[in-house]
Amino acid sequence: MTLRALVVDDEPLARRSIRRLLERRSDVDIVGECADGASAVMTIREQKPDVVFLDVQMPEMTGFDVIREIGPDAMPVTIFVTAYDQYALRAFDENATDYLLKPFRKVRFDRALQRAKERIAGTPNVSDLRALVARMDRDLAPPEYVDRLTVAENGRIFLIDVDEIDWIAASGNYALLHTLRRTYEIRQTLTELEAKLNPREFLRIHRSTIVNIRRIKEIQPWFRGHHVVILKNGQELRMSRYQREVAEKLGMR
């Protein structure tokens, strides 16, 4: 069985990753690639793919908006692609359909594709999609990110506006918030803070560093694929060579 696949994701890097994995297979033909929900709806209606790799959280028209527009009866087998497990994990406990949680590995990707083939060969997923849309509709509000962080210090509580933060460094199970005036120690890990901060404003450029994008002055190549991020205050920060998504968002690729 040769599957006709459509890839829908607003992030170019994510689309390329999926396309690269599909192109390695002889049992899949890629019929299209869409960067937004509106073009996905049009392509699904025109190309009638067997399977759609569909991003959940997209601006203007989400993945679930696409399903509602097409209608569960006409929707191809769908493999959701999401960076937010709170949108996916609860709904997929009963395996209503499959999902790929970014970043995903080839083994997980192949498993999802195999499930899609089995679903196509078996019963349609109309009832599954209806149930999924109904359950997820109330959960698909845009993620809320914090405007301020709370720091406790010597019995005092400081409220730090995230706009004042230049960069954040890991310090064991704590983190250091570097602002123009001073540095604060906060009792949260870098991973916890990363989930609270808007990814359009803050990027994790290294396993131990998060940076305020608006504070970046320039990025210089270093060695062996690494780069140095230079902030407006002159602070130099190392960027991991493996942060490809960061490079994409900063226009380096």
Protein backbone atom coordinates (compact mmCIF):
# COMPACT_ATOMS: atom_id res chain seq x y z
CA MET A 1 0.00 0.00 0.00
CA THR A 2 1.36 3.41 -1.02
CA LEU A 3 0.12 6.27 1.13
CA ARG A 4 -0.49 9.76 -0.21
CA ALA A 5 0.68 12.12 2.54
CA LEU A 6 0.17 15.81 3.24
CA VAL A 7 2.40 17.74 5.67
CA VAL A 8 0.89 20.72 7.52
CA ASP A 9 2.96 22.80 9.97
CA ASP A 10 3.65 26.51 10.30
CA GLU A 11 7.31 25.87 11.17
CA PRO A 12 9.57 25.25 8.13
CA LEU A 13 11.98 23.18 10.18
CA ALA A 14 9.21 20.84 11.33
CA ARG A 15 7.93 20.42 7.77
CA ARG A 16 11.42 19.60 6.54
CA SER A 17 11.90 17.04 9.30
CA ILE A 18 8.68 15.23 8.40
CA ARG A 19 9.36 15.45 4.68
CA ARG A 20 12.86 14.04 5.15
CA LEU A 21 11.50 11.02 7.03
CA LEU A 22 8.78 10.43 4.45
CA GLU A 23 11.14 10.70 1.49
CA ARG A 24 13.17 7.79 2.85
CA ARG A 25 10.19 5.49 2.41
CA SER A 26 9.13 3.83 -0.81
CA ASP A 27 5.56 3.33 0.43
CA VAL A 28 4.72 7.04 0.74
CA ASP A 29 4.10 9.78 -1.83
CA ILE A 30 4.09 13.39 -0.59
CA VAL A 31 1.22 15.20 -2.31
CA GLY A 32 1.70 18.58 -0.64
CA GLU A 33 3.18 20.74 2.09
CA CYS A 34 1.22 23.54 3.80
CA ALA A 35 2.30 26.25 6.24
CA ASP A 36 -1.16 27.23 7.47
CA GLY A 37 -4.63 25.87 8.07
CA ALA A 38 -6.36 27.62 5.19
CA SER A 39 -4.04 26.16 2.56
CA ALA A 40 -4.31 22.77 4.29
CA VAL A 41 -8.09 22.80 3.88
CA MET A 42 -7.76 23.63 0.20
CA THR A 43 -5.09 20.98 -0.42
CA ILE A 44 -7.02 18.27 1.43
CA ARG A 45 -10.07 18.96 -0.71
CA GLU A 46 -8.08 19.03 -3.94
CA GLN A 47 -5.53 16.26 -3.39
CA LYS A 48 -7.55 13.96 -1.09
CA PRO A 49 -4.49 12.53 0.72
CA ASP A 50 -4.68 9.28 2.67
CA VAL A 51 -2.89 10.67 5.71
CA VAL A 52 -2.26 14.18 7.02
CA PHE A 53 0.53 15.17 9.40
CA LEU A 54 -1.26 18.07 11.06
CA ASP A 55 0.20 20.60 13.49
CA VAL A 56 -2.14 21.31 16.40
CA GLN A 57 -1.17 24.88 17.29
CA MET A 58 -1.03 27.19 14.27
CA PRO A 59 -1.87 30.91 14.08
CA GLU A 60 -5.30 31.95 12.80
CA MET A 61 -6.46 28.40 12.05
CA THR A 62 -5.50 25.51 14.34
CA GLY A 63 -5.30 21.86 13.40
CA PHE A 64 -8.69 21.28 14.96
CA ASP A 65 -10.14 24.17 12.99
CA VAL A 66 -8.95 22.33 9.88
CA ILE A 67 -10.83 19.19 10.96
CA ARG A 68 -14.00 21.15 11.64
CA GLU A 69 -13.75 22.91 8.27
CA ILE A 70 -13.23 19.67 6.35
CA GLY A 71 -15.61 17.70 8.56
CA PRO A 72 -14.77 14.45 10.33
CA ASP A 73 -16.57 12.44 7.63
CA ALA A 74 -14.27 13.76 4.91
CA MET A 75 -11.05 14.11 6.95
CA PRO A 76 -8.19 11.77 6.02
CA VAL A 77 -6.46 9.71 8.69
CA THR A 78 -4.70 12.30 10.83
CA ILE A 79 -1.41 12.18 12.71
CA PHE A 80 -1.21 15.23 14.93
CA VAL A 81 2.10 17.01 15.38
CA THR A 82 2.42 19.15 18.50
CA ALA A 83 4.98 20.78 20.74
CA TYR A 84 2.46 21.03 23.58
CA ASP A 85 1.74 17.75 25.35
CA GLN A 86 -1.12 19.36 27.29
CA TYR A 87 -3.03 19.49 23.99
CA ALA A 88 -2.36 15.90 23.08
CA LEU A 89 -1.66 13.41 25.82
CA ARG A 90 -5.03 13.36 27.54
CA ALA A 91 -6.95 13.09 24.29
CA PHE A 92 -4.77 10.33 22.93
CA ASP A 93 -4.84 8.09 26.00
CA GLU A 94 -7.53 6.09 24.26
CA ASN A 95 -5.59 6.15 20.98
CA ALA A 96 -8.33 8.12 19.20
CA THR A 97 -5.68 8.91 16.61
CA ASP A 98 -1.91 9.11 16.73
CA TYR A 99 0.33 12.07 17.49
CA LEU A 100 3.96 13.10 17.31
CA LEU A 101 5.23 15.20 20.17
CA LYS A 102 8.05 17.50 19.03
CA PRO A 103 10.88 16.68 18.96
CA PHE A 104 10.23 13.12 17.82
CA ARG A 105 12.52 10.30 16.73
CA LYS A 106 12.42 8.13 13.62
CA VAL A 107 11.22 5.09 15.58
CA ARG A 108 8.24 7.02 16.93
CA PHE A 109 7.53 8.47 13.49
CA ASP A 110 7.54 5.04 11.84
CA ARG A 111 5.21 3.70 14.53
CA ALA A 112 2.73 6.52 13.87
CA LEU A 113 2.87 5.89 10.14
CA GLN A 114 2.28 2.19 10.64
CA ARG A 115 -0.79 2.94 12.74
CA ALA A 116 -2.04 5.18 9.97
CA LYS A 117 -1.66 2.36 7.45
CA GLU A 118 -3.51 -0.03 9.75
CA ARG A 119 -6.31 2.48 10.23
CA ILE A 120 -6.66 3.05 6.50
CA ALA A 121 -6.77 -0.70 5.90
CA GLY A 122 -9.39 -1.11 8.61
CA THR A 123 -12.31 0.98 9.77
CA PRO A 124 -12.56 4.73 9.12
CA ASN A 125 -11.66 7.15 11.87
CA VAL A 126 -14.79 9.30 11.59
CA SER A 127 -16.09 8.62 15.08
CA ASP A 128 -12.61 8.98 16.50
CA LEU A 129 -12.19 12.42 14.99
CA ARG A 130 -15.63 13.55 16.12
CA ALA A 131 -14.85 12.53 19.68
CA LEU A 132 -11.39 14.09 19.53
CA VAL A 133 -12.64 17.44 18.26
CA ALA A 134 -15.33 17.53 20.94
CA ARG A 135 -12.87 16.72 23.73
CA MET A 136 -10.11 19.03 22.56
CA ASP A 137 -12.23 22.03 21.64
CA ARG A 138 -12.32 23.31 25.21
CA ASP A 139 -8.58 22.73 25.72
CA LEU A 140 -7.20 24.47 22.66
CA ALA A 141 -6.88 27.97 24.06
CA PRO A 142 -3.49 29.54 23.26
CA PRO A 143 -0.89 28.82 25.94
CA GLU A 144 -0.66 31.52 28.58
CA TYR A 145 2.82 32.80 29.33
CA VAL A 146 3.84 34.79 32.39
CA ASP A 147 4.48 38.53 32.34
CA ARG A 148 6.30 38.51 35.67
CA LEU A 149 8.37 36.09 37.72
CA THR A 150 8.34 35.95 41.51
CA VAL A 151 11.65 35.84 43.38
CA ALA A 152 11.95 35.30 47.14
CA GLU A 153 15.03 36.76 48.78
CA ASN A 154 15.77 37.33 52.48
CA GLY A 155 12.10 37.38 53.40
CA ARG A 156 11.24 39.80 50.58
CA ILE A 157 9.29 39.08 47.40
CA PHE A 158 10.42 40.64 44.12
CA LEU A 159 8.20 40.72 41.05
CA ILE A 160 10.41 40.77 37.96
CA ASP A 161 8.90 41.84 34.63
CA VAL A 162 10.09 39.33 32.03
CA ASP A 163 10.77 42.24 29.65
CA GLU A 164 13.56 43.32 32.01
CA ILE A 165 15.39 40.00 31.73
CA ASP A 166 18.42 39.91 29.45
CA TRP A 167 19.21 36.23 29.83
CA ILE A 168 18.78 33.31 32.23
CA ALA A 169 21.44 30.85 33.34
CA ALA A 170 21.00 27.42 34.91
CA SER A 171 22.36 26.99 38.42
CA GLY A 172 21.65 23.43 39.52
CA ASN A 173 17.98 23.21 40.46
CA TYR A 174 17.82 27.01 40.44
CA ALA A 175 18.21 29.67 37.78
CA LEU A 176 19.83 33.11 37.64
CA LEU A 177 17.82 35.94 36.11
CA HIS A 178 20.20 38.51 34.66
CA THR A 179 18.66 41.97 34.30
CA LEU A 180 20.20 45.38 33.61
CA ARG A 181 20.28 46.28 37.29
CA ARG A 182 21.19 43.04 39.00
CA THR A 183 20.98 39.24 39.04
CA TYR A 184 18.25 37.33 40.89
CA GLU A 185 18.24 33.69 41.95
CA ILE A 186 14.91 31.97 41.36
CA ARG A 187 13.93 28.57 42.73
CA GLN A 188 12.95 27.08 39.41
CA THR A 189 14.81 25.03 36.85
CA LEU A 190 15.55 26.29 33.37
CA THR A 191 13.10 23.76 31.94
CA GLU A 192 10.31 25.06 34.18
CA LEU A 193 11.05 28.64 33.18
CA GLU A 194 11.21 27.76 29.49
CA ALA A 195 7.65 26.42 29.68
CA LYS A 196 6.42 29.67 31.28
CA LEU A 197 8.10 32.13 28.91
CA ASN A 198 6.77 33.05 25.49
CA PRO A 199 8.95 31.20 22.92
CA ARG A 200 8.54 34.12 20.53
CA GLU A 201 10.39 36.29 23.03
CA PHE A 202 12.71 33.87 24.82
CA LEU A 203 14.81 31.12 23.26
CA ARG A 204 16.86 28.38 24.84
CA ILE A 205 20.13 28.64 22.98
CA HIS A 206 21.99 26.14 25.18
CA ARG A 207 21.05 23.53 27.75
CA SER A 208 22.09 26.04 30.42
CA THR A 209 20.98 29.33 28.81
CA ILE A 210 17.77 31.12 27.84
CA VAL A 211 18.04 34.50 26.13
CA ASN A 212 15.65 37.38 25.55
CA ILE A 213 15.56 37.66 21.75
CA ARG A 214 15.17 41.45 21.88
CA ARG A 215 18.47 41.71 23.74
CA ILE A 216 20.45 40.02 20.97
CA LYS A 217 22.77 42.33 19.06
CA GLU A 218 24.54 39.85 16.80
CA ILE A 219 25.51 36.20 16.36
CA GLN A 220 29.03 35.23 15.40
CA PRO A 221 30.34 31.85 14.23
CA TRP A 222 32.72 30.16 16.63
CA PHE A 223 34.16 26.73 15.87
CA ARG A 224 32.90 23.23 15.04
CA GLY A 225 29.46 24.52 14.22
CA HIS A 226 29.01 26.51 17.41
CA HIS A 227 28.05 30.20 17.56
CA VAL A 228 28.42 33.03 20.03
CA VAL A 229 25.38 35.17 20.81
CA ILE A 230 26.32 38.73 21.72
CA LEU A 231 23.80 40.79 23.67
CA LYS A 232 23.38 44.55 23.49
CA ASN A 233 25.12 44.91 26.86
CA GLY A 234 28.19 43.11 25.53
CA GLN A 235 27.49 39.78 27.25
CA GLU A 236 28.66 36.82 25.16
CA LEU A 237 26.72 33.56 25.35
CA ARG A 238 27.50 30.26 23.71
CA MET A 239 24.85 28.71 21.45
CA SER A 240 24.78 24.95 21.12
CA ARG A 241 25.37 23.55 17.65
CA TYR A 242 22.35 21.30 18.13
CA GLN A 243 19.87 24.17 18.56
CA ARG A 244 18.64 24.02 14.98
CA GLU A 245 15.18 25.32 15.85
CA VAL A 246 16.78 28.36 17.45
CA ALA A 247 18.86 28.96 14.34
CA GLU A 248 15.71 28.76 12.24
CA LYS A 249 13.85 31.30 14.38
CA LEU A 250 16.80 33.67 14.34
CA GLY A 251 17.01 33.50 10.54
CA MET A 252 20.37 31.71 10.45
CA ARG A 253 19.16 28.94 8.13
